[in-house]
Amino acid sequence: MRDLADWNSIPWPQLEPVSTAEQYAHALRSFGTAHIVGDREPGAVPFLDELRRRGVVTFDTEQPYSRLFMADLRLGPDLADLWPLPESVTLSLNRTPPFGGPDSEPEDDCTEQELDRMVAVLGPLMLAASWHCGWRGVPEFKGSGVKLCLNSVWLDQAAEPSPGEFGVWIALGSRVAWSPEGEVWRRDSGLLLGEAQQE
């Protein structure tokens, strides 16, 4: 990137929610807390009652008449028997160090050193990091950059779990990608690129 771009942004990481038994087991072993969000539908009520009974959940400003709940969950091996989670419940580590803090949002930027720490503890979790940039020789920079996906592959605009694999995507921007300038940039970049994908 540094050789081919006039400027590039700091990484923008997005950690996907825990969605497999392997990811759940890794989270229980490796992290202290997680954030859960869900609907109070009939399938989730016994799950929430069990979390309360075990004393492992702290609800955000709970609204008794709201269908949506948000809470911090203390993780540990004693929660292994709760998998699979109810369909309406999402468990995320976006607010758990090193992926973020209590006030973090999924789209927060990070330094390269912070991203390195995230990758070091990633295990089977799925992480995508994006850098926006101005490719040298491309007339317009809107939407151009690099996306790195770890433990996932990017197919048809969706991340698919693929443990142990990673992919790197180069975006030239929707207006430039299929233009003569884009074709020249791809040829002259010296990068071994796979098949081009529609944006």
N, C-alpha and C. Protein backbone atom coordinates (compact mmCIF):
# COMPACT_ATOMS: atom_id res chain seq x y z
N MET A 1 0.82 -1.20 0.00
CA MET A 1 0.00 0.00 0.00
C MET A 1 0.86 1.25 0.00
N ARG A 2 1.87 1.26 0.85
CA ARG A 2 2.70 2.46 0.95
C ARG A 2 3.41 2.76 -0.36
N ASP A 3 3.77 1.71 -1.11
CA ASP A 3 4.46 1.92 -2.39
C ASP A 3 3.51 2.38 -3.49
N LEU A 4 2.24 2.00 -3.41
CA LEU A 4 1.31 2.25 -4.51
C LEU A 4 0.35 3.39 -4.26
N ALA A 5 0.33 3.95 -3.04
CA ALA A 5 -0.65 4.99 -2.71
C ALA A 5 0.04 6.28 -2.30
N ASP A 6 -0.63 7.39 -2.59
CA ASP A 6 -0.14 8.69 -2.13
C ASP A 6 -0.48 8.92 -0.66
N TRP A 7 -1.57 8.33 -0.20
CA TRP A 7 -1.96 8.43 1.22
C TRP A 7 -2.82 7.22 1.56
N ASN A 8 -2.83 6.84 2.82
CA ASN A 8 -3.75 5.79 3.25
C ASN A 8 -4.20 6.07 4.67
N SER A 9 -5.42 5.60 4.97
CA SER A 9 -6.02 5.86 6.28
C SER A 9 -5.54 4.84 7.30
N ILE A 10 -5.88 5.09 8.56
CA ILE A 10 -5.58 4.09 9.59
C ILE A 10 -6.62 2.97 9.50
N PRO A 11 -6.31 1.77 10.00
CA PRO A 11 -7.22 0.64 9.84
C PRO A 11 -8.56 0.85 10.55
N TRP A 12 -9.58 0.32 9.94
CA TRP A 12 -10.94 0.35 10.47
C TRP A 12 -11.35 -1.12 10.65
N PRO A 13 -11.28 -1.66 11.88
CA PRO A 13 -11.55 -3.08 12.08
C PRO A 13 -13.02 -3.35 12.39
N GLN A 14 -13.52 -4.47 11.94
CA GLN A 14 -14.86 -4.92 12.28
C GLN A 14 -14.78 -6.40 12.66
N LEU A 15 -15.10 -6.67 13.91
CA LEU A 15 -15.11 -8.05 14.40
C LEU A 15 -16.52 -8.60 14.25
N GLU A 16 -16.65 -9.72 13.58
CA GLU A 16 -17.97 -10.32 13.39
C GLU A 16 -18.45 -10.97 14.69
N PRO A 17 -19.77 -11.02 14.91
CA PRO A 17 -20.28 -11.67 16.13
C PRO A 17 -19.90 -13.15 16.19
N VAL A 18 -19.88 -13.70 17.38
CA VAL A 18 -19.60 -15.12 17.59
C VAL A 18 -20.75 -15.91 16.98
N SER A 19 -20.43 -16.83 16.06
CA SER A 19 -21.49 -17.54 15.35
C SER A 19 -21.27 -19.05 15.24
N THR A 20 -20.14 -19.55 15.75
CA THR A 20 -19.89 -21.00 15.69
C THR A 20 -19.50 -21.50 17.07
N ALA A 21 -19.64 -22.82 17.27
CA ALA A 21 -19.26 -23.42 18.55
C ALA A 21 -17.78 -23.22 18.83
N GLU A 22 -16.94 -23.28 17.80
CA GLU A 22 -15.50 -23.09 17.98
C GLU A 22 -15.19 -21.67 18.45
N GLN A 23 -15.86 -20.69 17.85
CA GLN A 23 -15.67 -19.31 18.26
C GLN A 23 -16.15 -19.09 19.70
N TYR A 24 -17.27 -19.70 20.04
CA TYR A 24 -17.82 -19.56 21.39
C TYR A 24 -16.86 -20.15 22.43
N ALA A 25 -16.33 -21.34 22.15
CA ALA A 25 -15.38 -21.96 23.07
C ALA A 25 -14.12 -21.11 23.22
N HIS A 26 -13.65 -20.53 22.12
CA HIS A 26 -12.47 -19.66 22.17
C HIS A 26 -12.75 -18.42 23.01
N ALA A 27 -13.93 -17.83 22.84
CA ALA A 27 -14.30 -16.64 23.60
C ALA A 27 -14.34 -16.96 25.10
N LEU A 28 -14.92 -18.09 25.47
CA LEU A 28 -15.01 -18.47 26.89
C LEU A 28 -13.63 -18.66 27.51
N ARG A 29 -12.69 -19.22 26.73
CA ARG A 29 -11.34 -19.48 27.23
C ARG A 29 -10.48 -18.23 27.29
N SER A 30 -10.67 -17.32 26.34
CA SER A 30 -9.67 -16.28 26.10
C SER A 30 -10.06 -14.87 26.53
N PHE A 31 -11.32 -14.64 26.82
CA PHE A 31 -11.77 -13.28 27.12
C PHE A 31 -12.60 -13.25 28.39
N GLY A 32 -12.62 -12.08 29.04
CA GLY A 32 -13.32 -11.96 30.31
C GLY A 32 -14.78 -11.58 30.19
N THR A 33 -15.10 -10.77 29.17
CA THR A 33 -16.48 -10.31 29.01
C THR A 33 -16.86 -10.29 27.55
N ALA A 34 -18.15 -10.22 27.30
CA ALA A 34 -18.70 -10.05 25.96
C ALA A 34 -19.94 -9.18 26.08
N HIS A 35 -20.42 -8.70 24.96
CA HIS A 35 -21.64 -7.90 24.93
C HIS A 35 -22.70 -8.72 24.21
N ILE A 36 -23.89 -8.81 24.80
CA ILE A 36 -24.97 -9.53 24.14
C ILE A 36 -26.12 -8.57 23.88
N VAL A 37 -26.77 -8.79 22.75
CA VAL A 37 -27.93 -8.01 22.33
C VAL A 37 -28.95 -9.00 21.80
N GLY A 38 -30.23 -8.72 22.03
CA GLY A 38 -31.23 -9.63 21.50
C GLY A 38 -32.63 -9.13 21.71
N ASP A 39 -33.58 -9.91 21.20
CA ASP A 39 -35.00 -9.66 21.39
C ASP A 39 -35.52 -10.54 22.51
N ARG A 40 -36.44 -9.99 23.29
CA ARG A 40 -37.06 -10.78 24.36
C ARG A 40 -38.19 -11.63 23.77
N GLU A 41 -37.84 -12.49 22.86
CA GLU A 41 -38.85 -13.40 22.32
C GLU A 41 -38.91 -14.63 23.20
N PRO A 42 -39.94 -15.45 23.06
CA PRO A 42 -40.11 -16.59 23.98
C PRO A 42 -38.87 -17.50 24.09
N GLY A 43 -38.14 -17.71 22.99
CA GLY A 43 -36.96 -18.57 23.04
C GLY A 43 -35.81 -18.01 23.84
N ALA A 44 -35.77 -16.68 24.00
CA ALA A 44 -34.66 -16.05 24.72
C ALA A 44 -34.93 -15.90 26.21
N VAL A 45 -36.18 -15.92 26.63
CA VAL A 45 -36.51 -15.66 28.04
C VAL A 45 -35.87 -16.67 28.99
N PRO A 46 -35.96 -17.99 28.73
CA PRO A 46 -35.29 -18.94 29.64
C PRO A 46 -33.77 -18.74 29.68
N PHE A 47 -33.18 -18.37 28.55
CA PHE A 47 -31.75 -18.10 28.48
C PHE A 47 -31.39 -16.92 29.38
N LEU A 48 -32.15 -15.83 29.27
CA LEU A 48 -31.90 -14.66 30.11
C LEU A 48 -32.09 -14.99 31.59
N ASP A 49 -33.13 -15.76 31.90
CA ASP A 49 -33.36 -16.16 33.29
C ASP A 49 -32.18 -16.97 33.83
N GLU A 50 -31.62 -17.83 32.97
CA GLU A 50 -30.48 -18.65 33.41
C GLU A 50 -29.24 -17.78 33.63
N LEU A 51 -29.02 -16.80 32.78
CA LEU A 51 -27.89 -15.89 32.97
C LEU A 51 -28.04 -15.12 34.29
N ARG A 52 -29.27 -14.68 34.58
CA ARG A 52 -29.52 -13.99 35.85
C ARG A 52 -29.26 -14.92 37.03
N ARG A 53 -29.73 -16.15 36.92
CA ARG A 53 -29.57 -17.11 38.01
C ARG A 53 -28.09 -17.36 38.31
N ARG A 54 -27.27 -17.39 37.26
CA ARG A 54 -25.83 -17.63 37.44
C ARG A 54 -25.08 -16.37 37.84
N GLY A 55 -25.73 -15.23 37.77
CA GLY A 55 -25.09 -13.98 38.18
C GLY A 55 -23.98 -13.53 37.25
N VAL A 56 -24.13 -13.78 35.94
CA VAL A 56 -23.06 -13.47 34.99
C VAL A 56 -23.42 -12.36 34.02
N VAL A 57 -24.57 -11.71 34.22
CA VAL A 57 -25.03 -10.71 33.26
C VAL A 57 -25.35 -9.39 33.97
N THR A 58 -24.97 -8.30 33.31
CA THR A 58 -25.29 -6.96 33.79
C THR A 58 -25.98 -6.22 32.66
N PHE A 59 -27.24 -5.91 32.84
CA PHE A 59 -28.01 -5.28 31.78
C PHE A 59 -27.71 -3.80 31.68
N ASP A 60 -27.69 -3.30 30.43
CA ASP A 60 -27.65 -1.85 30.22
C ASP A 60 -28.99 -1.32 30.72
N THR A 61 -29.09 -0.02 30.90
CA THR A 61 -30.32 0.57 31.41
C THR A 61 -31.53 -0.22 30.91
N GLU A 62 -31.96 -1.16 31.72
CA GLU A 62 -33.01 -2.09 31.30
C GLU A 62 -34.35 -1.39 31.27
N GLN A 63 -35.07 -1.59 30.19
CA GLN A 63 -36.41 -1.05 30.03
C GLN A 63 -37.39 -2.22 30.01
N PRO A 64 -38.17 -2.38 31.08
CA PRO A 64 -38.99 -3.58 31.21
C PRO A 64 -39.99 -3.78 30.08
N TYR A 65 -40.38 -2.70 29.39
CA TYR A 65 -41.39 -2.86 28.34
C TYR A 65 -40.78 -2.89 26.94
N SER A 66 -39.46 -2.86 26.85
CA SER A 66 -38.80 -2.91 25.56
C SER A 66 -38.56 -4.35 25.14
N ARG A 67 -38.71 -4.61 23.85
CA ARG A 67 -38.44 -5.97 23.34
C ARG A 67 -36.93 -6.24 23.24
N LEU A 68 -36.14 -5.18 23.10
CA LEU A 68 -34.70 -5.33 22.91
C LEU A 68 -33.98 -5.27 24.25
N PHE A 69 -32.98 -6.12 24.43
CA PHE A 69 -32.14 -6.03 25.62
C PHE A 69 -30.68 -5.96 25.19
N MET A 70 -29.85 -5.31 26.00
CA MET A 70 -28.40 -5.24 25.82
C MET A 70 -27.77 -5.48 27.18
N ALA A 71 -26.68 -6.25 27.20
CA ALA A 71 -26.06 -6.57 28.48
C ALA A 71 -24.60 -6.94 28.29
N ASP A 72 -23.85 -6.80 29.38
CA ASP A 72 -22.48 -7.31 29.44
C ASP A 72 -22.53 -8.68 30.09
N LEU A 73 -21.78 -9.61 29.53
CA LEU A 73 -21.79 -11.00 30.00
C LEU A 73 -20.40 -11.39 30.47
N ARG A 74 -20.29 -11.87 31.70
CA ARG A 74 -19.01 -12.38 32.19
C ARG A 74 -18.80 -13.76 31.58
N LEU A 75 -17.66 -13.93 30.89
CA LEU A 75 -17.37 -15.19 30.23
C LEU A 75 -16.57 -16.11 31.13
N GLY A 76 -16.71 -17.40 30.90
CA GLY A 76 -15.95 -18.40 31.64
C GLY A 76 -16.37 -19.78 31.20
N PRO A 77 -15.57 -20.80 31.53
CA PRO A 77 -15.88 -22.17 31.12
C PRO A 77 -17.23 -22.67 31.62
N ASP A 78 -17.74 -22.07 32.70
CA ASP A 78 -19.02 -22.51 33.26
C ASP A 78 -20.21 -22.18 32.37
N LEU A 79 -19.99 -21.43 31.28
CA LEU A 79 -21.07 -21.09 30.35
C LEU A 79 -21.08 -21.99 29.11
N ALA A 80 -20.19 -22.97 29.07
CA ALA A 80 -20.06 -23.82 27.87
C ALA A 80 -21.37 -24.53 27.53
N ASP A 81 -22.16 -24.88 28.56
CA ASP A 81 -23.39 -25.64 28.32
C ASP A 81 -24.51 -24.79 27.71
N LEU A 82 -24.31 -23.47 27.56
CA LEU A 82 -25.35 -22.60 27.01
C LEU A 82 -25.33 -22.52 25.49
N TRP A 83 -24.35 -23.16 24.87
CA TRP A 83 -24.31 -23.18 23.39
C TRP A 83 -25.23 -24.27 22.88
N PRO A 84 -25.99 -24.05 21.82
CA PRO A 84 -26.07 -22.84 21.01
C PRO A 84 -26.93 -21.77 21.67
N LEU A 85 -26.60 -20.53 21.39
CA LEU A 85 -27.37 -19.41 21.91
C LEU A 85 -28.71 -19.32 21.17
N PRO A 86 -29.72 -18.74 21.81
CA PRO A 86 -30.99 -18.54 21.09
C PRO A 86 -30.77 -17.71 19.83
N GLU A 87 -31.58 -17.97 18.81
CA GLU A 87 -31.40 -17.28 17.53
C GLU A 87 -31.47 -15.77 17.64
N SER A 88 -32.26 -15.27 18.58
CA SER A 88 -32.44 -13.82 18.69
C SER A 88 -31.31 -13.13 19.46
N VAL A 89 -30.33 -13.89 19.95
CA VAL A 89 -29.25 -13.33 20.78
C VAL A 89 -27.96 -13.26 19.97
N THR A 90 -27.31 -12.09 19.99
CA THR A 90 -26.01 -11.89 19.34
C THR A 90 -24.96 -11.64 20.41
N LEU A 91 -23.87 -12.40 20.36
CA LEU A 91 -22.76 -12.24 21.29
C LEU A 91 -21.58 -11.64 20.53
N SER A 92 -21.06 -10.52 21.04
CA SER A 92 -19.99 -9.81 20.36
C SER A 92 -18.87 -9.47 21.33
N LEU A 93 -17.64 -9.42 20.79
CA LEU A 93 -16.47 -9.04 21.58
C LEU A 93 -15.96 -7.66 21.19
N ASN A 94 -16.77 -6.88 20.47
CA ASN A 94 -16.34 -5.56 20.00
C ASN A 94 -15.97 -4.60 21.12
N ARG A 95 -16.50 -4.82 22.32
CA ARG A 95 -16.21 -3.93 23.46
C ARG A 95 -15.27 -4.59 24.46
N THR A 96 -14.60 -5.65 24.03
CA THR A 96 -13.70 -6.41 24.89
C THR A 96 -12.26 -6.19 24.45
N PRO A 97 -11.34 -5.82 25.36
CA PRO A 97 -9.93 -5.64 24.96
C PRO A 97 -9.37 -6.93 24.35
N PRO A 98 -8.54 -6.86 23.31
CA PRO A 98 -8.02 -5.64 22.67
C PRO A 98 -8.90 -5.12 21.54
N PHE A 99 -10.13 -5.64 21.41
CA PHE A 99 -10.99 -5.24 20.29
C PHE A 99 -11.72 -3.93 20.55
N GLY A 100 -11.66 -3.42 21.77
CA GLY A 100 -12.31 -2.17 22.10
C GLY A 100 -12.58 -2.08 23.58
N GLY A 101 -13.22 -0.98 23.98
CA GLY A 101 -13.58 -0.76 25.37
C GLY A 101 -15.08 -0.58 25.50
N PRO A 102 -15.56 -0.22 26.68
CA PRO A 102 -17.01 -0.11 26.92
C PRO A 102 -17.73 0.85 25.98
N ASP A 103 -17.05 1.87 25.50
CA ASP A 103 -17.68 2.86 24.63
C ASP A 103 -17.35 2.67 23.16
N SER A 104 -16.72 1.56 22.82
CA SER A 104 -16.31 1.34 21.43
C SER A 104 -17.51 1.07 20.53
N GLU A 105 -17.35 1.47 19.29
CA GLU A 105 -18.32 1.15 18.25
C GLU A 105 -17.62 0.25 17.24
N PRO A 106 -18.37 -0.62 16.54
CA PRO A 106 -17.74 -1.55 15.60
C PRO A 106 -16.92 -0.88 14.52
N GLU A 107 -17.24 0.37 14.17
CA GLU A 107 -16.53 1.03 13.08
C GLU A 107 -15.41 1.94 13.54
N ASP A 108 -15.00 1.84 14.80
CA ASP A 108 -13.91 2.69 15.29
C ASP A 108 -12.60 2.38 14.58
N ASP A 109 -11.80 3.42 14.36
CA ASP A 109 -10.47 3.26 13.79
C ASP A 109 -9.53 2.71 14.86
N CYS A 110 -8.36 2.23 14.43
CA CYS A 110 -7.35 1.77 15.38
C CYS A 110 -5.97 1.97 14.78
N THR A 111 -4.95 1.93 15.62
CA THR A 111 -3.58 2.02 15.12
C THR A 111 -3.16 0.64 14.60
N GLU A 112 -2.07 0.61 13.86
CA GLU A 112 -1.58 -0.68 13.38
C GLU A 112 -1.12 -1.56 14.54
N GLN A 113 -0.60 -0.94 15.60
CA GLN A 113 -0.19 -1.72 16.78
C GLN A 113 -1.40 -2.35 17.46
N GLU A 114 -2.51 -1.60 17.55
CA GLU A 114 -3.74 -2.15 18.13
C GLU A 114 -4.27 -3.29 17.27
N LEU A 115 -4.20 -3.13 15.96
CA LEU A 115 -4.64 -4.19 15.06
C LEU A 115 -3.78 -5.44 15.23
N ASP A 116 -2.47 -5.25 15.41
CA ASP A 116 -1.58 -6.39 15.65
C ASP A 116 -1.99 -7.14 16.91
N ARG A 117 -2.36 -6.40 17.97
CA ARG A 117 -2.80 -7.06 19.21
C ARG A 117 -4.10 -7.83 19.00
N MET A 118 -5.00 -7.28 18.19
CA MET A 118 -6.25 -7.98 17.88
C MET A 118 -5.97 -9.29 17.17
N VAL A 119 -5.09 -9.23 16.17
CA VAL A 119 -4.78 -10.44 15.39
C VAL A 119 -4.11 -11.49 16.26
N ALA A 120 -3.29 -11.05 17.23
CA ALA A 120 -2.56 -11.99 18.09
C ALA A 120 -3.49 -12.85 18.92
N VAL A 121 -4.69 -12.34 19.27
CA VAL A 121 -5.62 -13.10 20.12
C VAL A 121 -6.87 -13.55 19.36
N LEU A 122 -6.85 -13.41 18.05
CA LEU A 122 -8.05 -13.63 17.25
C LEU A 122 -8.58 -15.06 17.31
N GLY A 123 -7.66 -16.06 17.24
CA GLY A 123 -8.12 -17.44 17.21
C GLY A 123 -9.05 -17.65 16.03
N PRO A 124 -10.19 -18.35 16.22
CA PRO A 124 -11.12 -18.60 15.11
C PRO A 124 -12.11 -17.47 14.86
N LEU A 125 -12.02 -16.36 15.60
CA LEU A 125 -12.94 -15.25 15.38
C LEU A 125 -12.71 -14.64 14.01
N MET A 126 -13.71 -13.94 13.49
CA MET A 126 -13.62 -13.35 12.16
C MET A 126 -13.44 -11.84 12.26
N LEU A 127 -12.39 -11.33 11.63
CA LEU A 127 -12.08 -9.91 11.67
C LEU A 127 -11.85 -9.39 10.26
N ALA A 128 -12.41 -8.24 9.95
CA ALA A 128 -12.11 -7.57 8.68
C ALA A 128 -11.55 -6.19 9.03
N ALA A 129 -10.48 -5.79 8.37
CA ALA A 129 -9.92 -4.46 8.56
C ALA A 129 -9.85 -3.77 7.21
N SER A 130 -10.22 -2.49 7.19
CA SER A 130 -10.23 -1.72 5.94
C SER A 130 -9.33 -0.50 6.06
N TRP A 131 -8.65 -0.18 4.97
CA TRP A 131 -7.86 1.04 4.84
C TRP A 131 -8.36 1.75 3.59
N HIS A 132 -8.68 3.02 3.71
CA HIS A 132 -8.99 3.81 2.53
C HIS A 132 -7.70 4.47 2.07
N CYS A 133 -7.59 4.73 0.78
CA CYS A 133 -6.33 5.29 0.30
C CYS A 133 -6.54 5.99 -1.04
N GLY A 134 -5.51 6.70 -1.46
CA GLY A 134 -5.49 7.32 -2.78
C GLY A 134 -4.45 6.62 -3.62
N TRP A 135 -4.89 5.69 -4.47
CA TRP A 135 -3.93 4.97 -5.31
C TRP A 135 -3.27 5.93 -6.28
N ARG A 136 -1.95 5.88 -6.34
CA ARG A 136 -1.19 6.72 -7.26
C ARG A 136 -1.52 6.31 -8.70
N GLY A 137 -1.94 7.27 -9.51
CA GLY A 137 -2.25 6.98 -10.92
C GLY A 137 -3.73 6.77 -11.18
N VAL A 138 -4.55 6.75 -10.12
CA VAL A 138 -6.00 6.60 -10.30
C VAL A 138 -6.63 7.98 -10.12
N PRO A 139 -7.50 8.42 -11.06
CA PRO A 139 -7.99 9.80 -11.04
C PRO A 139 -8.98 10.11 -9.92
N GLU A 140 -9.64 9.12 -9.36
CA GLU A 140 -10.63 9.38 -8.30
C GLU A 140 -10.45 8.36 -7.19
N PHE A 141 -10.52 8.83 -5.93
CA PHE A 141 -10.21 7.95 -4.80
C PHE A 141 -11.43 7.47 -4.04
N LYS A 142 -12.63 7.90 -4.44
CA LYS A 142 -13.83 7.53 -3.69
C LYS A 142 -14.01 6.01 -3.69
N GLY A 143 -14.02 5.42 -2.49
CA GLY A 143 -14.24 3.97 -2.38
C GLY A 143 -13.01 3.13 -2.64
N SER A 144 -11.83 3.74 -2.77
CA SER A 144 -10.64 2.94 -3.04
C SER A 144 -9.92 2.58 -1.75
N GLY A 145 -9.31 1.43 -1.72
CA GLY A 145 -8.59 1.00 -0.54
C GLY A 145 -8.33 -0.49 -0.52
N VAL A 146 -8.07 -1.00 0.69
CA VAL A 146 -7.75 -2.41 0.89
C VAL A 146 -8.62 -2.95 2.00
N LYS A 147 -9.11 -4.18 1.82
CA LYS A 147 -9.82 -4.87 2.89
C LYS A 147 -9.09 -6.17 3.16
N LEU A 148 -8.81 -6.43 4.44
CA LEU A 148 -8.17 -7.67 4.88
C LEU A 148 -9.18 -8.44 5.71
N CYS A 149 -9.49 -9.68 5.33
CA CYS A 149 -10.41 -10.53 6.09
C CYS A 149 -9.64 -11.71 6.64
N LEU A 150 -9.70 -11.90 7.96
CA LEU A 150 -9.03 -13.01 8.63
C LEU A 150 -10.07 -14.01 9.12
N ASN A 151 -9.81 -15.29 8.86
CA ASN A 151 -10.73 -16.37 9.20
C ASN A 151 -12.08 -16.21 8.50
N SER A 152 -12.05 -15.64 7.32
CA SER A 152 -13.26 -15.56 6.51
C SER A 152 -12.86 -15.31 5.07
N VAL A 153 -13.79 -15.56 4.19
CA VAL A 153 -13.60 -15.21 2.79
C VAL A 153 -14.74 -14.29 2.39
N TRP A 154 -14.50 -13.45 1.41
CA TRP A 154 -15.50 -12.47 1.01
C TRP A 154 -16.08 -12.90 -0.32
N LEU A 155 -17.33 -13.35 -0.30
CA LEU A 155 -17.98 -13.83 -1.52
C LEU A 155 -19.31 -13.12 -1.69
N ASP A 156 -19.53 -12.55 -2.85
CA ASP A 156 -20.81 -11.91 -3.14
C ASP A 156 -21.24 -10.98 -2.02
N GLN A 157 -20.31 -10.13 -1.58
CA GLN A 157 -20.58 -9.10 -0.58
C GLN A 157 -20.97 -9.67 0.79
N ALA A 158 -20.54 -10.89 1.09
CA ALA A 158 -20.84 -11.46 2.40
C ALA A 158 -19.64 -12.23 2.92
N ALA A 159 -19.36 -12.11 4.22
CA ALA A 159 -18.25 -12.86 4.82
C ALA A 159 -18.73 -14.26 5.13
N GLU A 160 -18.00 -15.25 4.70
CA GLU A 160 -18.33 -16.64 4.96
C GLU A 160 -17.25 -17.24 5.84
N PRO A 161 -17.62 -17.93 6.93
CA PRO A 161 -16.59 -18.51 7.81
C PRO A 161 -15.70 -19.49 7.05
N SER A 162 -14.43 -19.33 7.21
CA SER A 162 -13.45 -20.20 6.59
C SER A 162 -12.23 -20.21 7.50
N PRO A 163 -12.29 -20.97 8.60
CA PRO A 163 -11.24 -20.89 9.64
C PRO A 163 -9.84 -21.07 9.08
N GLY A 164 -8.94 -20.22 9.55
CA GLY A 164 -7.54 -20.34 9.17
C GLY A 164 -7.19 -19.71 7.84
N GLU A 165 -8.17 -19.13 7.15
CA GLU A 165 -7.89 -18.52 5.85
C GLU A 165 -8.03 -17.01 5.94
N PHE A 166 -7.41 -16.32 5.01
CA PHE A 166 -7.57 -14.88 4.95
C PHE A 166 -7.61 -14.45 3.50
N GLY A 167 -8.15 -13.27 3.29
CA GLY A 167 -8.20 -12.72 1.94
C GLY A 167 -7.88 -11.25 1.97
N VAL A 168 -7.31 -10.75 0.88
CA VAL A 168 -7.01 -9.34 0.74
C VAL A 168 -7.69 -8.85 -0.53
N TRP A 169 -8.49 -7.77 -0.40
CA TRP A 169 -9.20 -7.22 -1.53
C TRP A 169 -8.73 -5.80 -1.79
N ILE A 170 -8.45 -5.51 -3.05
CA ILE A 170 -8.04 -4.17 -3.49
C ILE A 170 -9.25 -3.54 -4.18
N ALA A 171 -9.65 -2.34 -3.73
CA ALA A 171 -10.75 -1.62 -4.37
C ALA A 171 -10.21 -0.35 -5.00
N LEU A 172 -10.56 -0.15 -6.27
CA LEU A 172 -10.14 1.06 -6.97
C LEU A 172 -11.22 2.13 -6.94
N GLY A 173 -12.39 1.81 -6.43
CA GLY A 173 -13.51 2.74 -6.46
C GLY A 173 -14.44 2.39 -7.60
N SER A 174 -15.73 2.55 -7.37
CA SER A 174 -16.71 2.07 -8.36
C SER A 174 -16.61 2.76 -9.71
N ARG A 175 -16.22 4.03 -9.74
CA ARG A 175 -16.15 4.73 -11.03
C ARG A 175 -14.89 4.40 -11.82
N VAL A 176 -13.86 3.98 -11.11
CA VAL A 176 -12.56 3.76 -11.76
C VAL A 176 -12.32 2.29 -12.08
N ALA A 177 -12.92 1.40 -11.30
CA ALA A 177 -12.58 -0.03 -11.38
C ALA A 177 -12.64 -0.58 -12.80
N TRP A 178 -13.66 -0.23 -13.55
CA TRP A 178 -13.84 -0.82 -14.88
C TRP A 178 -13.46 0.14 -16.01
N SER A 179 -12.82 1.24 -15.65
CA SER A 179 -12.42 2.23 -16.66
C SER A 179 -11.06 1.85 -17.25
N PRO A 180 -10.68 2.48 -18.36
CA PRO A 180 -9.35 2.24 -18.92
C PRO A 180 -8.24 2.56 -17.91
N GLU A 181 -8.45 3.63 -17.10
CA GLU A 181 -7.44 3.97 -16.09
C GLU A 181 -7.28 2.86 -15.07
N GLY A 182 -8.40 2.23 -14.68
CA GLY A 182 -8.35 1.12 -13.72
C GLY A 182 -7.63 -0.08 -14.29
N GLU A 183 -7.88 -0.37 -15.57
CA GLU A 183 -7.20 -1.48 -16.23
C GLU A 183 -5.69 -1.23 -16.27
N VAL A 184 -5.30 0.00 -16.58
CA VAL A 184 -3.88 0.35 -16.63
C VAL A 184 -3.26 0.22 -15.24
N TRP A 185 -3.97 0.71 -14.21
CA TRP A 185 -3.44 0.63 -12.84
C TRP A 185 -3.21 -0.83 -12.44
N ARG A 186 -4.19 -1.70 -12.72
CA ARG A 186 -4.05 -3.12 -12.37
C ARG A 186 -2.84 -3.73 -13.08
N ARG A 187 -2.68 -3.41 -14.37
CA ARG A 187 -1.58 -3.96 -15.13
C ARG A 187 -0.23 -3.47 -14.60
N ASP A 188 -0.16 -2.17 -14.29
CA ASP A 188 1.12 -1.58 -13.89
C ASP A 188 1.47 -1.78 -12.42
N SER A 189 0.51 -2.20 -11.61
CA SER A 189 0.76 -2.32 -10.17
C SER A 189 1.76 -3.41 -9.83
N GLY A 190 1.84 -4.43 -10.69
CA GLY A 190 2.73 -5.55 -10.41
C GLY A 190 2.15 -6.54 -9.42
N LEU A 191 0.90 -6.31 -8.96
CA LEU A 191 0.27 -7.22 -8.01
C LEU A 191 -0.33 -8.41 -8.73
N LEU A 192 -0.22 -9.58 -8.13
CA LEU A 192 -0.88 -10.77 -8.67
C LEU A 192 -2.30 -10.80 -8.10
N LEU A 193 -3.25 -10.34 -8.89
CA LEU A 193 -4.63 -10.21 -8.43
C LEU A 193 -5.49 -11.33 -8.99
N GLY A 194 -6.50 -11.73 -8.23
CA GLY A 194 -7.46 -12.71 -8.72
C GLY A 194 -8.46 -12.04 -9.64
N GLU A 195 -9.57 -12.75 -9.87
CA GLU A 195 -10.58 -12.21 -10.77
C GLU A 195 -11.22 -10.96 -10.16
N ALA A 196 -11.49 -10.00 -11.03
CA ALA A 196 -12.17 -8.78 -10.58
C ALA A 196 -13.60 -9.10 -10.19
N GLN A 197 -14.11 -8.40 -9.18
CA GLN A 197 -15.49 -8.58 -8.73
C GLN A 197 -16.24 -7.28 -8.90
N GLN A 198 -17.52 -7.40 -9.27
CA GLN A 198 -18.38 -6.21 -9.36
C GLN A 198 -18.56 -5.64 -7.95
N GLU A 199 -18.58 -4.32 -7.83
CA GLU A 199 -18.82 -3.70 -6.53
C GLU A 199 -20.31 -3.50 -6.33
